[in-house]
């Protein structure tokens, strides 16, 4: 019985990760090739992608390893780059409740893409919710590690233009947003997210708008929480 549930859960989770597989393999290979070009063995991108699993920080880490030892600066830089995960974690508090031994790995593997899928996916009732999120997180992690390792191994032999590949992730988020929009009975939170992001983009610019927009969205949602809950109850 348990094996049947596991198989059904994996079969439900895997299709959600296929678009991410395509993006992660190419972007991971780019990261591995970059590390190879900086003189590192493939062991470095393999282990770093396995243990850090934060794409933006991993690209920066390669240059940090070549510089002087400044742990405080590295800590602050890491905090700034990955600060958005604080908001992801808050959003997933209820989702990760009662996931048992899987919870530490779910927290560790909470990247942008896994968050988007696990937060918005319609999980079939005949599957295990915690196991579904675990499979999504694990598969995305494996895609990234595989891409980074292959890039590190074959970086000296593979040369191709990777410009524009990162847009695959942007397109994925647009699709996830549209699917969520179609599922919503009211679009207050979605419109709020778009508006807050647009305002912060204008004020702070494209390089610094993410954290302010997340703070603004979180604050607005907290202030509007009761009103949104009432609307959700009335729509049932």
C-alpha atoms as a PDB file:
ATOM      1  CA  UNK A   1       0.000   0.000   0.000  1.00  0.00           C
ATOM      2  CA  UNK A   2       2.761   2.448   0.968  1.00  0.00           C
ATOM      3  CA  UNK A   3       4.690   1.631  -2.207  1.00  0.00           C
ATOM      4  CA  UNK A   4       1.587   2.387  -4.291  1.00  0.00           C
ATOM      5  CA  UNK A   5       1.204   5.766  -2.596  1.00  0.00           C
ATOM      6  CA  UNK A   6       4.873   6.536  -3.190  1.00  0.00           C
ATOM      7  CA  UNK A   7       4.576   5.656  -6.881  1.00  0.00           C
ATOM      8  CA  UNK A   8       1.422   7.730  -7.332  1.00  0.00           C
ATOM      9  CA  UNK A   9       2.999  10.650  -5.496  1.00  0.00           C
ATOM     10  CA  UNK A  10       6.168  10.516  -7.602  1.00  0.00           C
ATOM     11  CA  UNK A  11       4.099  10.263 -10.790  1.00  0.00           C
ATOM     12  CA  UNK A  12       2.153  13.359  -9.703  1.00  0.00           C
ATOM     13  CA  UNK A  13       5.248  15.371  -8.706  1.00  0.00           C
ATOM     14  CA  UNK A  14       7.588  14.605 -11.620  1.00  0.00           C
ATOM     15  CA  UNK A  15       5.675  16.421 -14.416  1.00  0.00           C
ATOM     16  CA  UNK A  16       5.763  19.654 -12.401  1.00  0.00           C
ATOM     17  CA  UNK A  17       9.571  19.530 -12.370  1.00  0.00           C
ATOM     18  CA  UNK A  18      10.173  18.799 -16.071  1.00  0.00           C
ATOM     19  CA  UNK A  19      10.389  22.488 -17.145  1.00  0.00           C
ATOM     20  CA  UNK A  20      12.784  23.099 -14.255  1.00  0.00           C
ATOM     21  CA  UNK A  21      14.904  20.138 -15.317  1.00  0.00           C
ATOM     22  CA  UNK A  22      15.474  21.770 -18.702  1.00  0.00           C
ATOM     23  CA  UNK A  23      16.457  25.084 -17.131  1.00  0.00           C
ATOM     24  CA  UNK A  24      18.526  23.679 -14.262  1.00  0.00           C
ATOM     25  CA  UNK A  25      20.580  21.338 -16.428  1.00  0.00           C
ATOM     26  CA  UNK A  26      21.663  24.184 -18.730  1.00  0.00           C
ATOM     27  CA  UNK A  27      22.163  26.766 -15.985  1.00  0.00           C
ATOM     28  CA  UNK A  28      23.931  24.207 -13.796  1.00  0.00           C
ATOM     29  CA  UNK A  29      26.251  23.336 -16.659  1.00  0.00           C
ATOM     30  CA  UNK A  30      26.973  27.038 -17.119  1.00  0.00           C
ATOM     31  CA  UNK A  31      27.910  27.249 -13.447  1.00  0.00           C
ATOM     32  CA  UNK A  32      30.107  24.149 -13.674  1.00  0.00           C
ATOM     33  CA  UNK A  33      31.831  25.476 -16.791  1.00  0.00           C
ATOM     34  CA  UNK A  34      32.421  28.808 -15.060  1.00  0.00           C
ATOM     35  CA  UNK A  35      34.070  27.040 -12.126  1.00  0.00           C
ATOM     36  CA  UNK A  36      36.174  24.999 -14.530  1.00  0.00           C
ATOM     37  CA  UNK A  37      37.257  28.173 -16.328  1.00  0.00           C
ATOM     38  CA  UNK A  38      38.359  29.604 -12.957  1.00  0.00           C
ATOM     39  CA  UNK A  39      40.641  26.621 -12.436  1.00  0.00           C
ATOM     40  CA  UNK A  40      38.519  24.460 -10.102  1.00  0.00           C
ATOM     41  CA  UNK A  41      38.134  20.698 -10.357  1.00  0.00           C
ATOM     42  CA  UNK A  42      34.627  19.377 -11.108  1.00  0.00           C
ATOM     43  CA  UNK A  43      34.545  18.238  -7.457  1.00  0.00           C
ATOM     44  CA  UNK A  44      34.001  21.853  -6.385  1.00  0.00           C
ATOM     45  CA  UNK A  45      30.824  22.603  -8.375  1.00  0.00           C
ATOM     46  CA  UNK A  46      29.527  19.118  -7.597  1.00  0.00           C
ATOM     47  CA  UNK A  47      29.940  19.470  -3.815  1.00  0.00           C
ATOM     48  CA  UNK A  48      28.910  23.134  -3.734  1.00  0.00           C
ATOM     49  CA  UNK A  49      25.717  22.478  -5.679  1.00  0.00           C
ATOM     50  CA  UNK A  50      25.025  19.524  -3.394  1.00  0.00           C
ATOM     51  CA  UNK A  51      25.562  21.373  -0.107  1.00  0.00           C
ATOM     52  CA  UNK A  52      24.845  25.045  -0.859  1.00  0.00           C
ATOM     53  CA  UNK A  53      22.071  24.695  -3.454  1.00  0.00           C
ATOM     54  CA  UNK A  54      21.663  28.425  -4.033  1.00  0.00           C
ATOM     55  CA  UNK A  55      22.413  29.197  -7.668  1.00  0.00           C
ATOM     56  CA  UNK A  56      23.152  32.907  -7.369  1.00  0.00           C
ATOM     57  CA  UNK A  57      25.358  32.398  -4.323  1.00  0.00           C
ATOM     58  CA  UNK A  58      27.225  29.521  -5.957  1.00  0.00           C
ATOM     59  CA  UNK A  59      28.232  31.710  -8.906  1.00  0.00           C
ATOM     60  CA  UNK A  60      29.481  34.352  -6.455  1.00  0.00           C
ATOM     61  CA  UNK A  61      31.209  31.732  -4.282  1.00  0.00           C
ATOM     62  CA  UNK A  62      33.554  30.807  -7.111  1.00  0.00           C
ATOM     63  CA  UNK A  63      34.983  34.321  -7.140  1.00  0.00           C
ATOM     64  CA  UNK A  64      35.021  34.489  -3.340  1.00  0.00           C
ATOM     65  CA  UNK A  65      37.187  31.371  -3.183  1.00  0.00           C
ATOM     66  CA  UNK A  66      39.751  33.122  -5.368  1.00  0.00           C
ATOM     67  CA  UNK A  67      39.810  36.236  -3.173  1.00  0.00           C
ATOM     68  CA  UNK A  68      41.053  37.008   0.310  1.00  0.00           C
ATOM     69  CA  UNK A  69      39.488  35.356   3.380  1.00  0.00           C
ATOM     70  CA  UNK A  70      36.770  37.731   4.671  1.00  0.00           C
ATOM     71  CA  UNK A  71      34.137  35.648   6.532  1.00  0.00           C
ATOM     72  CA  UNK A  72      32.073  38.607   7.757  1.00  0.00           C
ATOM     73  CA  UNK A  73      31.764  40.050   4.255  1.00  0.00           C
ATOM     74  CA  UNK A  74      30.877  36.633   2.873  1.00  0.00           C
ATOM     75  CA  UNK A  75      28.196  36.179   5.542  1.00  0.00           C
ATOM     76  CA  UNK A  76      26.608  39.565   4.832  1.00  0.00           C
ATOM     77  CA  UNK A  77      26.753  39.024   1.076  1.00  0.00           C
ATOM     78  CA  UNK A  78      25.119  35.608   1.437  1.00  0.00           C
ATOM     79  CA  UNK A  79      22.396  37.067   3.662  1.00  0.00           C
ATOM     80  CA  UNK A  80      21.586  39.804   1.161  1.00  0.00           C
ATOM     81  CA  UNK A  81      21.573  37.508  -1.866  1.00  0.00           C
ATOM     82  CA  UNK A  82      19.353  34.890  -0.223  1.00  0.00           C
ATOM     83  CA  UNK A  83      17.200  37.132   1.988  1.00  0.00           C
ATOM     84  CA  UNK A  84      14.118  36.384  -0.133  1.00  0.00           C
ATOM     85  CA  UNK A  85      14.136  32.843   1.282  1.00  0.00           C
ATOM     86  CA  UNK A  86      13.101  34.294   4.649  1.00  0.00           C
ATOM     87  CA  UNK A  87       9.798  35.253   3.042  1.00  0.00           C
ATOM     88  CA  UNK A  88       9.501  31.915   1.270  1.00  0.00           C
ATOM     89  CA  UNK A  89       9.942  30.190   4.623  1.00  0.00           C
ATOM     90  CA  UNK A  90       7.204  32.266   6.255  1.00  0.00           C
ATOM     91  CA  UNK A  91       4.846  31.423   3.401  1.00  0.00           C
ATOM     92  CA  UNK A  92       5.563  27.695   3.741  1.00  0.00           C
ATOM     93  CA  UNK A  93       5.030  27.403   7.526  1.00  0.00           C
ATOM     94  CA  UNK A  94       1.598  25.835   7.137  1.00  0.00           C
ATOM     95  CA  UNK A  95       2.563  23.821   4.055  1.00  0.00           C
ATOM     96  CA  UNK A  96       5.464  22.138   5.864  1.00  0.00           C
ATOM     97  CA  UNK A  97       3.479  21.419   9.004  1.00  0.00           C
ATOM     98  CA  UNK A  98       3.280  17.696   9.912  1.00  0.00           C
ATOM     99  CA  UNK A  99       5.853  16.635   7.288  1.00  0.00           C
ATOM    100  CA  UNK A 100       7.895  14.795   9.941  1.00  0.00           C
ATOM    101  CA  UNK A 101      11.451  13.757   9.131  1.00  0.00           C
ATOM    102  CA  UNK A 102      11.177  15.284   5.654  1.00  0.00           C
ATOM    103  CA  UNK A 103      10.946  18.831   7.026  1.00  0.00           C
ATOM    104  CA  UNK A 104      14.723  19.532   7.462  1.00  0.00           C
ATOM    105  CA  UNK A 105      15.406  18.616   3.840  1.00  0.00           C
ATOM    106  CA  UNK A 106      12.378  20.581   2.621  1.00  0.00           C
ATOM    107  CA  UNK A 107      13.740  23.636   4.420  1.00  0.00           C
ATOM    108  CA  UNK A 108      17.252  23.112   3.056  1.00  0.00           C
ATOM    109  CA  UNK A 109      16.044  22.589  -0.523  1.00  0.00           C
ATOM    110  CA  UNK A 110      13.643  25.555  -0.628  1.00  0.00           C
ATOM    111  CA  UNK A 111      14.771  27.263  -3.831  1.00  0.00           C
ATOM    112  CA  UNK A 112      12.663  29.665  -5.932  1.00  0.00           C
ATOM    113  CA  UNK A 113      11.389  26.935  -8.234  1.00  0.00           C
ATOM    114  CA  UNK A 114      10.532  24.394  -5.525  1.00  0.00           C
ATOM    115  CA  UNK A 115       8.721  27.109  -3.589  1.00  0.00           C
ATOM    116  CA  UNK A 116       6.642  28.059  -6.632  1.00  0.00           C
ATOM    117  CA  UNK A 117       5.584  24.475  -7.297  1.00  0.00           C
ATOM    118  CA  UNK A 118       4.986  23.347  -3.719  1.00  0.00           C
ATOM    119  CA  UNK A 119       3.054  26.485  -2.838  1.00  0.00           C
ATOM    120  CA  UNK A 120       0.730  26.512  -5.842  1.00  0.00           C
ATOM    121  CA  UNK A 121       0.487  22.877  -7.028  1.00  0.00           C
ATOM    122  CA  UNK A 122      -2.845  21.117  -6.785  1.00  0.00           C
ATOM    123  CA  UNK A 123      -1.744  17.909  -5.043  1.00  0.00           C
ATOM    124  CA  UNK A 124      -3.973  14.904  -5.872  1.00  0.00           C
ATOM    125  CA  UNK A 125      -5.958  13.620  -2.853  1.00  0.00           C
ATOM    126  CA  UNK A 126      -4.746  10.029  -3.318  1.00  0.00           C
ATOM    127  CA  UNK A 127      -1.103  11.016  -2.774  1.00  0.00           C
ATOM    128  CA  UNK A 128       1.036  11.970   0.224  1.00  0.00           C
ATOM    129  CA  UNK A 129       1.290  15.788   0.509  1.00  0.00           C
ATOM    130  CA  UNK A 130       4.602  15.802   2.389  1.00  0.00           C
ATOM    131  CA  UNK A 131       6.097  13.216   0.049  1.00  0.00           C
ATOM    132  CA  UNK A 132       4.931  15.224  -2.983  1.00  0.00           C
ATOM    133  CA  UNK A 133       6.821  18.293  -1.781  1.00  0.00           C
ATOM    134  CA  UNK A 134       9.816  16.124  -0.902  1.00  0.00           C
ATOM    135  CA  UNK A 135       9.952  14.641  -4.414  1.00  0.00           C
ATOM    136  CA  UNK A 136       9.659  18.073  -6.024  1.00  0.00           C
ATOM    137  CA  UNK A 137      12.491  19.406  -3.859  1.00  0.00           C
ATOM    138  CA  UNK A 138      14.680  16.338  -4.367  1.00  0.00           C
ATOM    139  CA  UNK A 139      14.231  16.248  -8.153  1.00  0.00           C
ATOM    140  CA  UNK A 140      15.034  19.942  -8.523  1.00  0.00           C
ATOM    141  CA  UNK A 141      18.104  19.480  -6.343  1.00  0.00           C
ATOM    142  CA  UNK A 142      19.282  16.515  -8.430  1.00  0.00           C
ATOM    143  CA  UNK A 143      18.799  18.444 -11.685  1.00  0.00           C
ATOM    144  CA  UNK A 144      21.012  21.251 -10.418  1.00  0.00           C
ATOM    145  CA  UNK A 145      23.712  18.947  -9.053  1.00  0.00           C
ATOM    146  CA  UNK A 146      23.739  16.948 -12.292  1.00  0.00           C
ATOM    147  CA  UNK A 147      24.058  20.055 -14.457  1.00  0.00           C
ATOM    148  CA  UNK A 148      26.815  21.565 -12.311  1.00  0.00           C
ATOM    149  CA  UNK A 149      28.766  18.291 -12.249  1.00  0.00           C
ATOM    150  CA  UNK A 150      28.501  17.778 -16.019  1.00  0.00           C
ATOM    151  CA  UNK A 151      29.569  21.361 -16.618  1.00  0.00           C
ATOM    152  CA  UNK A 152      32.575  20.878 -14.341  1.00  0.00           C
ATOM    153  CA  UNK A 153      33.589  17.613 -16.037  1.00  0.00           C
ATOM    154  CA  UNK A 154      33.094  18.649 -19.656  1.00  0.00           C
ATOM    155  CA  UNK A 155      33.643  22.378 -19.245  1.00  0.00           C
ATOM    156  CA  UNK A 156      36.901  22.266 -21.175  1.00  0.00           C
ATOM    157  CA  UNK A 157      35.293  20.546 -24.141  1.00  0.00           C
ATOM    158  CA  UNK A 158      31.819  22.092 -24.377  1.00  0.00           C
ATOM    159  CA  UNK A 159      31.469  25.568 -25.838  1.00  0.00           C
ATOM    160  CA  UNK A 160      28.071  27.015 -26.708  1.00  0.00           C
ATOM    161  CA  UNK A 161      26.296  30.315 -26.319  1.00  0.00           C
ATOM    162  CA  UNK A 162      24.176  30.196 -23.148  1.00  0.00           C
ATOM    163  CA  UNK A 163      22.853  33.756 -23.504  1.00  0.00           C
ATOM    164  CA  UNK A 164      19.113  33.831 -22.870  1.00  0.00           C
ATOM    165  CA  UNK A 165      18.878  30.426 -21.172  1.00  0.00           C
ATOM    166  CA  UNK A 166      18.071  32.075 -17.846  1.00  0.00           C
ATOM    167  CA  UNK A 167      14.863  33.404 -19.390  1.00  0.00           C
ATOM    168  CA  UNK A 168      13.479  29.854 -19.206  1.00  0.00           C
ATOM    169  CA  UNK A 169      13.111  30.309 -15.438  1.00  0.00           C
ATOM    170  CA  UNK A 170      11.322  33.641 -15.911  1.00  0.00           C
ATOM    171  CA  UNK A 171       8.922  32.050 -18.380  1.00  0.00           C
ATOM    172  CA  UNK A 172       8.277  29.233 -15.900  1.00  0.00           C
ATOM    173  CA  UNK A 173       7.288  31.697 -13.158  1.00  0.00           C
ATOM    174  CA  UNK A 174       4.962  33.514 -15.556  1.00  0.00           C
ATOM    175  CA  UNK A 175       3.194  30.241 -16.361  1.00  0.00           C
ATOM    176  CA  UNK A 176       2.897  29.332 -12.653  1.00  0.00           C
ATOM    177  CA  UNK A 177       1.472  32.793 -11.918  1.00  0.00           C
ATOM    178  CA  UNK A 178      -1.117  32.463 -14.700  1.00  0.00           C
ATOM    179  CA  UNK A 179      -2.160  29.031 -13.436  1.00  0.00           C
ATOM    180  CA  UNK A 180      -2.554  30.429  -9.923  1.00  0.00           C
ATOM    181  CA  UNK A 181      -4.556  33.364 -11.295  1.00  0.00           C
ATOM    182  CA  UNK A 182      -6.999  30.983 -12.988  1.00  0.00           C
ATOM    183  CA  UNK A 183      -7.451  29.000  -9.739  1.00  0.00           C
ATOM    184  CA  UNK A 184      -8.161  32.062  -7.567  1.00  0.00           C
ATOM    185  CA  UNK A 185     -11.712  33.100  -6.781  1.00  0.00           C
ATOM    186  CA  UNK A 186     -10.507  36.655  -6.162  1.00  0.00           C
ATOM    187  CA  UNK A 187      -7.304  38.244  -7.383  1.00  0.00           C
ATOM    188  CA  UNK A 188      -6.565  40.708  -4.584  1.00  0.00           C
ATOM    189  CA  UNK A 189      -3.283  39.089  -3.504  1.00  0.00           C
ATOM    190  CA  UNK A 190      -2.063  38.661  -7.093  1.00  0.00           C
ATOM    191  CA  UNK A 191      -2.856  42.270  -8.023  1.00  0.00           C
ATOM    192  CA  UNK A 192      -1.198  43.399  -4.785  1.00  0.00           C
ATOM    193  CA  UNK A 193       1.930  41.457  -5.694  1.00  0.00           C
ATOM    194  CA  UNK A 194       2.098  42.951  -9.186  1.00  0.00           C
ATOM    195  CA  UNK A 195       1.466  46.484  -7.917  1.00  0.00           C
ATOM    196  CA  UNK A 196       3.991  46.305  -5.072  1.00  0.00           C
ATOM    197  CA  UNK A 197       6.639  44.854  -7.357  1.00  0.00           C
ATOM    198  CA  UNK A 198       6.075  47.525 -10.005  1.00  0.00           C
ATOM    199  CA  UNK A 199       6.318  50.315  -7.427  1.00  0.00           C
ATOM    200  CA  UNK A 200       9.552  48.932  -5.921  1.00  0.00           C
ATOM    201  CA  UNK A 201      11.014  48.407  -9.398  1.00  0.00           C
ATOM    202  CA  UNK A 202      10.445  52.079 -10.196  1.00  0.00           C
ATOM    203  CA  UNK A 203      11.787  53.317  -6.862  1.00  0.00           C
ATOM    204  CA  UNK A 204      14.747  50.971  -6.264  1.00  0.00           C
ATOM    205  CA  UNK A 205      15.682  49.888  -9.780  1.00  0.00           C
ATOM    206  CA  UNK A 206      16.041  46.426 -11.319  1.00  0.00           C
ATOM    207  CA  UNK A 207      19.062  45.448  -9.191  1.00  0.00           C
ATOM    208  CA  UNK A 208      17.558  46.194  -5.779  1.00  0.00           C
ATOM    209  CA  UNK A 209      13.777  45.828  -5.992  1.00  0.00           C
ATOM    210  CA  UNK A 210      13.291  42.195  -4.890  1.00  0.00           C
ATOM    211  CA  UNK A 211      13.759  42.520  -1.113  1.00  0.00           C
ATOM    212  CA  UNK A 212      11.769  45.794  -0.758  1.00  0.00           C
ATOM    213  CA  UNK A 213       8.923  44.355  -2.832  1.00  0.00           C
ATOM    214  CA  UNK A 214       8.825  41.198  -0.691  1.00  0.00           C
ATOM    215  CA  UNK A 215       8.746  43.300   2.492  1.00  0.00           C
ATOM    216  CA  UNK A 216       5.954  45.480   1.076  1.00  0.00           C
ATOM    217  CA  UNK A 217       3.906  42.459  -0.067  1.00  0.00           C
ATOM    218  CA  UNK A 218       4.335  40.672   3.269  1.00  0.00           C
ATOM    219  CA  UNK A 219       3.374  43.787   5.251  1.00  0.00           C
ATOM    220  CA  UNK A 220       0.307  44.435   3.103  1.00  0.00           C
ATOM    221  CA  UNK A 221      -0.849  40.821   3.317  1.00  0.00           C
ATOM    222  CA  UNK A 222      -0.446  40.809   7.096  1.00  0.00           C
ATOM    223  CA  UNK A 223      -2.508  43.995   7.388  1.00  0.00           C
ATOM    224  CA  UNK A 224      -5.162  42.604   5.036  1.00  0.00           C
ATOM    225  CA  UNK A 225      -5.072  39.061   6.412  1.00  0.00           C
ATOM    226  CA  UNK A 226      -8.424  39.094   8.196  1.00  0.00           C
ATOM    227  CA  UNK A 227     -10.166  40.761   5.284  1.00  0.00           C
ATOM    228  CA  UNK A 228      -8.771  38.199   2.846  1.00  0.00           C
ATOM    229  CA  UNK A 229      -9.810  35.328   5.131  1.00  0.00           C
ATOM    230  CA  UNK A 230     -13.340  36.730   5.339  1.00  0.00           C
ATOM    231  CA  UNK A 231     -13.564  37.008   1.563  1.00  0.00           C
ATOM    232  CA  UNK A 232     -12.320  33.435   1.196  1.00  0.00           C
ATOM    233  CA  UNK A 233     -14.937  32.166   3.675  1.00  0.00           C
ATOM    234  CA  UNK A 234     -17.735  34.078   1.931  1.00  0.00           C
ATOM    235  CA  UNK A 235     -16.736  32.672  -1.480  1.00  0.00           C
ATOM    236  CA  UNK A 236     -17.082  29.055  -0.322  1.00  0.00           C
END
